[in-house]
Amino acid sequence: MLSLDNTYSADELREFEARIFRLVGSRELLYVTELKVDGLSVALHYEHGRLVRGVTRGDGVRGTT
């Protein structure tokens, strides 16, 4: 699971969007935003509506500090 960069200004947000446009090769993107809960990080992967994998930043027993 990769770390996320923080953005603190409108210029940084525009730079982020320009990088995405270059990587994707399209300017037609849909953004989804969510509130971040500090201390919790998980990625859940579903295939055909069924949970197949859950990933955290921990070691399988404990999360990172």
PDB file of N, CA and C in Angstrom:
ATOM      1  N   MET A   1       0.842  -1.163   0.000  1.00  0.00           N
ATOM      2  CA  MET A   1       0.000   0.000   0.000  1.00  0.00           C
ATOM      3  C   MET A   1       0.890   1.228   0.000  1.00  0.00           C
ATOM      4  N   LEU A   2       0.645   2.147  -0.914  1.00  0.00           N
ATOM      5  CA  LEU A   2       1.505   3.310  -1.072  1.00  0.00           C
ATOM      6  C   LEU A   2       1.063   4.458  -0.183  1.00  0.00           C
ATOM      7  N   SER A   3       2.005   5.328   0.150  1.00  0.00           N
ATOM      8  CA  SER A   3       1.682   6.530   0.910  1.00  0.00           C
ATOM      9  C   SER A   3       1.053   7.561  -0.001  1.00  0.00           C
ATOM     10  N   LEU A   4       0.279   8.438   0.578  1.00  0.00           N
ATOM     11  CA  LEU A   4      -0.346   9.520  -0.158  1.00  0.00           C
ATOM     12  C   LEU A   4       0.376  10.816   0.158  1.00  0.00           C
ATOM     13  N   ASP A   5       0.523  11.673  -0.844  1.00  0.00           N
ATOM     14  CA  ASP A   5       1.117  12.989  -0.619  1.00  0.00           C
ATOM     15  C   ASP A   5       0.043  13.967  -0.186  1.00  0.00           C
ATOM     16  N   ASN A   6       0.444  14.927   0.624  1.00  0.00           N
ATOM     17  CA  ASN A   6      -0.468  15.996   1.036  1.00  0.00           C
ATOM     18  C   ASN A   6      -0.377  17.151   0.049  1.00  0.00           C
ATOM     19  N   THR A   7      -1.466  17.868  -0.093  1.00  0.00           N
ATOM     20  CA  THR A   7      -1.517  19.058  -0.933  1.00  0.00           C
ATOM     21  C   THR A   7      -2.017  20.208  -0.072  1.00  0.00           C
ATOM     22  N   TYR A   8      -1.261  21.310  -0.084  1.00  0.00           N
ATOM     23  CA  TYR A   8      -1.588  22.429   0.793  1.00  0.00           C
ATOM     24  C   TYR A   8      -1.960  23.707   0.058  1.00  0.00           C
ATOM     25  N   SER A   9      -1.925  23.699  -1.267  1.00  0.00           N
ATOM     26  CA  SER A   9      -2.256  24.921  -1.997  1.00  0.00           C
ATOM     27  C   SER A   9      -2.950  24.576  -3.308  1.00  0.00           C
ATOM     28  N   ALA A  10      -3.578  25.581  -3.901  1.00  0.00           N
ATOM     29  CA  ALA A  10      -4.237  25.391  -5.197  1.00  0.00           C
ATOM     30  C   ALA A  10      -3.214  25.035  -6.275  1.00  0.00           C
ATOM     31  N   ASP A  11      -2.017  25.631  -6.213  1.00  0.00           N
ATOM     32  CA  ASP A  11      -0.967  25.310  -7.196  1.00  0.00           C
ATOM     33  C   ASP A  11      -0.559  23.844  -7.110  1.00  0.00           C
ATOM     34  N   GLU A  12      -0.403  23.316  -5.881  1.00  0.00           N
ATOM     35  CA  GLU A  12      -0.047  21.901  -5.722  1.00  0.00           C
ATOM     36  C   GLU A  12      -1.154  21.000  -6.257  1.00  0.00           C
ATOM     37  N   LEU A  13      -2.393  21.400  -6.066  1.00  0.00           N
ATOM     38  CA  LEU A  13      -3.509  20.620  -6.592  1.00  0.00           C
ATOM     39  C   LEU A  13      -3.508  20.618  -8.114  1.00  0.00           C
ATOM     40  N   ARG A  14      -3.223  21.766  -8.735  1.00  0.00           N
ATOM     41  CA  ARG A  14      -3.136  21.829 -10.202  1.00  0.00           C
ATOM     42  C   ARG A  14      -1.977  20.971 -10.723  1.00  0.00           C
ATOM     43  N   GLU A  15      -0.845  20.969 -10.021  1.00  0.00           N
ATOM     44  CA  GLU A  15       0.292  20.135 -10.416  1.00  0.00           C
ATOM     45  C   GLU A  15      -0.066  18.652 -10.331  1.00  0.00           C
ATOM     46  N   PHE A  16      -0.775  18.269  -9.269  1.00  0.00           N
ATOM     47  CA  PHE A  16      -1.233  16.885  -9.119  1.00  0.00           C
ATOM     48  C   PHE A  16      -2.123  16.497 -10.301  1.00  0.00           C
ATOM     49  N   GLU A  17      -3.081  17.352 -10.618  1.00  0.00           N
ATOM     50  CA  GLU A  17      -3.998  17.050 -11.714  1.00  0.00           C
ATOM     51  C   GLU A  17      -3.260  16.934 -13.046  1.00  0.00           C
ATOM     52  N   ALA A  18      -2.281  17.792 -13.288  1.00  0.00           N
ATOM     53  CA  ALA A  18      -1.497  17.719 -14.522  1.00  0.00           C
ATOM     54  C   ALA A  18      -0.746  16.390 -14.611  1.00  0.00           C
ATOM     55  N   ARG A  19      -0.195  15.905 -13.487  1.00  0.00           N
ATOM     56  CA  ARG A  19       0.496  14.606 -13.477  1.00  0.00           C
ATOM     57  C   ARG A  19      -0.474  13.477 -13.818  1.00  0.00           C
ATOM     58  N   ILE A  20      -1.686  13.539 -13.254  1.00  0.00           N
ATOM     59  CA  ILE A  20      -2.694  12.514 -13.525  1.00  0.00           C
ATOM     60  C   ILE A  20      -3.069  12.520 -14.996  1.00  0.00           C
ATOM     61  N   PHE A  21      -3.296  13.712 -15.568  1.00  0.00           N
ATOM     62  CA  PHE A  21      -3.639  13.809 -16.986  1.00  0.00           C
ATOM     63  C   PHE A  21      -2.540  13.190 -17.854  1.00  0.00           C
ATOM     64  N   ARG A  22      -1.270  13.454 -17.515  1.00  0.00           N
ATOM     65  CA  ARG A  22      -0.155  12.882 -18.292  1.00  0.00           C
ATOM     66  C   ARG A  22      -0.133  11.354 -18.179  1.00  0.00           C
ATOM     67  N   LEU A  23      -0.343  10.840 -16.967  1.00  0.00           N
ATOM     68  CA  LEU A  23      -0.303   9.384 -16.764  1.00  0.00           C
ATOM     69  C   LEU A  23      -1.472   8.672 -17.437  1.00  0.00           C
ATOM     70  N   VAL A  24      -2.654   9.241 -17.330  1.00  0.00           N
ATOM     71  CA  VAL A  24      -3.856   8.594 -17.847  1.00  0.00           C
ATOM     72  C   VAL A  24      -4.032   8.847 -19.342  1.00  0.00           C
ATOM     73  N   GLY A  25      -3.537   9.979 -19.818  1.00  0.00           N
ATOM     74  CA  GLY A  25      -3.681  10.311 -21.224  1.00  0.00           C
ATOM     75  C   GLY A  25      -5.051  10.846 -21.577  1.00  0.00           C
ATOM     76  N   SER A  26      -5.790  11.326 -20.594  1.00  0.00           N
ATOM     77  CA  SER A  26      -7.135  11.840 -20.818  1.00  0.00           C
ATOM     78  C   SER A  26      -7.402  12.973 -19.841  1.00  0.00           C
ATOM     79  N   ARG A  27      -8.277  13.883 -20.237  1.00  0.00           N
ATOM     80  CA  ARG A  27      -8.680  14.964 -19.340  1.00  0.00           C
ATOM     81  C   ARG A  27     -10.080  14.708 -18.793  1.00  0.00           C
ATOM     82  N   GLU A  28     -10.651  13.555 -19.105  1.00  0.00           N
ATOM     83  CA  GLU A  28     -11.983  13.203 -18.619  1.00  0.00           C
ATOM     84  C   GLU A  28     -11.848  12.281 -17.407  1.00  0.00           C
ATOM     85  N   LEU A  29     -11.804  12.869 -16.233  1.00  0.00           N
ATOM     86  CA  LEU A  29     -11.631  12.113 -14.999  1.00  0.00           C
ATOM     87  C   LEU A  29     -12.776  12.409 -14.042  1.00  0.00           C
ATOM     88  N   LEU A  30     -13.069  11.461 -13.190  1.00  0.00           N
ATOM     89  CA  LEU A  30     -14.058  11.632 -12.136  1.00  0.00           C
ATOM     90  C   LEU A  30     -13.326  11.537 -10.802  1.00  0.00           C
ATOM     91  N   TYR A  31     -13.495  12.530  -9.950  1.00  0.00           N
ATOM     92  CA  TYR A  31     -12.850  12.543  -8.644  1.00  0.00           C
ATOM     93  C   TYR A  31     -13.835  12.123  -7.569  1.00  0.00           C
ATOM     94  N   VAL A  32     -13.341  11.360  -6.599  1.00  0.00           N
ATOM     95  CA  VAL A  32     -14.102  10.990  -5.421  1.00  0.00           C
ATOM     96  C   VAL A  32     -13.243  11.354  -4.218  1.00  0.00           C
ATOM     97  N   THR A  33     -13.807  12.071  -3.274  1.00  0.00           N
ATOM     98  CA  THR A  33     -13.059  12.443  -2.072  1.00  0.00           C
ATOM     99  C   THR A  33     -13.760  11.888  -0.841  1.00  0.00           C
ATOM    100  N   GLU A  34     -12.955  11.605   0.166  1.00  0.00           N
ATOM    101  CA  GLU A  34     -13.466  11.087   1.428  1.00  0.00           C
ATOM    102  C   GLU A  34     -12.686  11.720   2.564  1.00  0.00           C
ATOM    103  N   LEU A  35     -13.317  11.829   3.710  1.00  0.00           N
ATOM    104  CA  LEU A  35     -12.621  12.300   4.900  1.00  0.00           C
ATOM    105  C   LEU A  35     -11.592  11.262   5.320  1.00  0.00           C
ATOM    106  N   LYS A  36     -10.451  11.719   5.811  1.00  0.00           N
ATOM    107  CA  LYS A  36      -9.412  10.812   6.283  1.00  0.00           C
ATOM    108  C   LYS A  36      -9.550  10.649   7.796  1.00  0.00           C
ATOM    109  N   VAL A  37      -9.514   9.418   8.256  1.00  0.00           N
ATOM    110  CA  VAL A  37      -9.528   9.120   9.677  1.00  0.00           C
ATOM    111  C   VAL A  37      -8.086   8.819  10.072  1.00  0.00           C
ATOM    112  N   ASP A  38      -7.482   9.672  10.898  1.00  0.00           N
ATOM    113  CA  ASP A  38      -6.086   9.455  11.307  1.00  0.00           C
ATOM    114  C   ASP A  38      -5.946   8.149  12.062  1.00  0.00           C
ATOM    115  N   GLY A  39      -4.858   7.453  11.769  1.00  0.00           N
ATOM    116  CA  GLY A  39      -4.545   6.219  12.472  1.00  0.00           C
ATOM    117  C   GLY A  39      -5.158   4.983  11.842  1.00  0.00           C
ATOM    118  N   LEU A  40      -5.872   5.140  10.756  1.00  0.00           N
ATOM    119  CA  LEU A  40      -6.508   3.989  10.118  1.00  0.00           C
ATOM    120  C   LEU A  40      -6.210   4.025   8.628  1.00  0.00           C
ATOM    121  N   SER A  41      -5.700   2.934   8.108  1.00  0.00           N
ATOM    122  CA  SER A  41      -5.424   2.847   6.691  1.00  0.00           C
ATOM    123  C   SER A  41      -5.673   1.412   6.237  1.00  0.00           C
ATOM    124  N   VAL A  42      -6.585   1.256   5.313  1.00  0.00           N
ATOM    125  CA  VAL A  42      -6.906  -0.079   4.819  1.00  0.00           C
ATOM    126  C   VAL A  42      -7.344   0.032   3.363  1.00  0.00           C
ATOM    127  N   ALA A  43      -6.975  -0.944   2.574  1.00  0.00           N
ATOM    128  CA  ALA A  43      -7.440  -1.045   1.191  1.00  0.00           C
ATOM    129  C   ALA A  43      -8.141  -2.389   1.051  1.00  0.00           C
ATOM    130  N   LEU A  44      -9.386  -2.356   0.621  1.00  0.00           N
ATOM    131  CA  LEU A  44     -10.164  -3.574   0.435  1.00  0.00           C
ATOM    132  C   LEU A  44     -10.357  -3.811  -1.051  1.00  0.00           C
ATOM    133  N   HIS A  45     -10.086  -5.033  -1.499  1.00  0.00           N
ATOM    134  CA  HIS A  45     -10.194  -5.382  -2.921  1.00  0.00           C
ATOM    135  C   HIS A  45     -11.326  -6.386  -3.102  1.00  0.00           C
ATOM    136  N   TYR A  46     -12.237  -6.022  -3.989  1.00  0.00           N
ATOM    137  CA  TYR A  46     -13.392  -6.871  -4.275  1.00  0.00           C
ATOM    138  C   TYR A  46     -13.329  -7.342  -5.727  1.00  0.00           C
ATOM    139  N   GLU A  47     -13.733  -8.560  -5.966  1.00  0.00           N
ATOM    140  CA  GLU A  47     -13.901  -9.093  -7.315  1.00  0.00           C
ATOM    141  C   GLU A  47     -15.304  -9.662  -7.420  1.00  0.00           C
ATOM    142  N   HIS A  48     -16.058  -9.140  -8.365  1.00  0.00           N
ATOM    143  CA  HIS A  48     -17.437  -9.594  -8.580  1.00  0.00           C
ATOM    144  C   HIS A  48     -18.262  -9.489  -7.300  1.00  0.00           C
ATOM    145  N   GLY A  49     -18.053  -8.389  -6.534  1.00  0.00           N
ATOM    146  CA  GLY A  49     -18.826  -8.149  -5.329  1.00  0.00           C
ATOM    147  C   GLY A  49     -18.391  -8.952  -4.116  1.00  0.00           C
ATOM    148  N   ARG A  50     -17.270  -9.670  -4.221  1.00  0.00           N
ATOM    149  CA  ARG A  50     -16.796 -10.501  -3.107  1.00  0.00           C
ATOM    150  C   ARG A  50     -15.423 -10.024  -2.637  1.00  0.00           C
ATOM    151  N   LEU A  51     -15.274  -9.858  -1.313  1.00  0.00           N
ATOM    152  CA  LEU A  51     -13.998  -9.429  -0.756  1.00  0.00           C
ATOM    153  C   LEU A  51     -12.950 -10.504  -0.993  1.00  0.00           C
ATOM    154  N   VAL A  52     -11.839 -10.135  -1.648  1.00  0.00           N
ATOM    155  CA  VAL A  52     -10.784 -11.111  -1.913  1.00  0.00           C
ATOM    156  C   VAL A  52      -9.477 -10.779  -1.192  1.00  0.00           C
ATOM    157  N   ARG A  53      -9.325  -9.495  -0.733  1.00  0.00           N
ATOM    158  CA  ARG A  53      -8.075  -9.145  -0.061  1.00  0.00           C
ATOM    159  C   ARG A  53      -8.259  -7.859   0.721  1.00  0.00           C
ATOM    160  N   GLY A  54      -7.655  -7.802   1.888  1.00  0.00           N
ATOM    161  CA  GLY A  54      -7.604  -6.591   2.694  1.00  0.00           C
ATOM    162  C   GLY A  54      -6.154  -6.292   3.035  1.00  0.00           C
ATOM    163  N   VAL A  55      -5.723  -5.050   2.864  1.00  0.00           N
ATOM    164  CA  VAL A  55      -4.328  -4.674   3.080  1.00  0.00           C
ATOM    165  C   VAL A  55      -4.266  -3.499   4.042  1.00  0.00           C
ATOM    166  N   THR A  56      -3.336  -3.573   5.008  1.00  0.00           N
ATOM    167  CA  THR A  56      -3.059  -2.436   5.888  1.00  0.00           C
ATOM    168  C   THR A  56      -1.578  -2.113   5.779  1.00  0.00           C
ATOM    169  N   ARG A  57      -1.150  -1.082   6.457  1.00  0.00           N
ATOM    170  CA  ARG A  57       0.261  -0.729   6.471  1.00  0.00           C
ATOM    171  C   ARG A  57       1.015  -1.429   7.602  1.00  0.00           C
ATOM    172  N   GLY A  58       0.383  -2.296   8.299  1.00  0.00           N
ATOM    173  CA  GLY A  58       1.011  -3.002   9.415  1.00  0.00           C
ATOM    174  C   GLY A  58       1.775  -4.227   8.949  1.00  0.00           C
ATOM    175  N   ASP A  59       2.149  -5.082   9.924  1.00  0.00           N
ATOM    176  CA  ASP A  59       2.927  -6.288   9.630  1.00  0.00           C
ATOM    177  C   ASP A  59       2.068  -7.547   9.647  1.00  0.00           C
ATOM    178  N   GLY A  60       0.766  -7.388   9.631  1.00  0.00           N
ATOM    179  CA  GLY A  60      -0.131  -8.537   9.685  1.00  0.00           C
ATOM    180  C   GLY A  60      -0.666  -8.785  11.082  1.00  0.00           C
ATOM    181  N   VAL A  61       0.007  -8.245  12.090  1.00  0.00           N
ATOM    182  CA  VAL A  61      -0.427  -8.367  13.480  1.00  0.00           C
ATOM    183  C   VAL A  61      -0.710  -6.988  14.065  1.00  0.00           C
ATOM    184  N   ARG A  62       0.214  -6.035  13.838  1.00  0.00           N
ATOM    185  CA  ARG A  62       0.096  -4.687  14.360  1.00  0.00           C
ATOM    186  C   ARG A  62       0.205  -3.671  13.214  1.00  0.00           C
ATOM    187  N   GLY A  63      -0.495  -2.556  13.364  1.00  0.00           N
ATOM    188  CA  GLY A  63      -0.359  -1.468  12.407  1.00  0.00           C
ATOM    189  C   GLY A  63       0.940  -0.728  12.652  1.00  0.00           C
ATOM    190  N   THR A  64       1.262   0.175  11.756  1.00  0.00           N
ATOM    191  CA  THR A  64       2.491   0.960  11.929  1.00  0.00           C
ATOM    192  C   THR A  64       2.223   2.132  12.855  1.00  0.00           C
ATOM    193  N   THR A  65       3.276   2.651  13.451  1.00  0.00           N
ATOM    194  CA  THR A  65       3.141   3.806  14.337  1.00  0.00           C
ATOM    195  C   THR A  65       3.809   5.010  13.733  1.00  0.00           C
TER     196      THR A  65
END
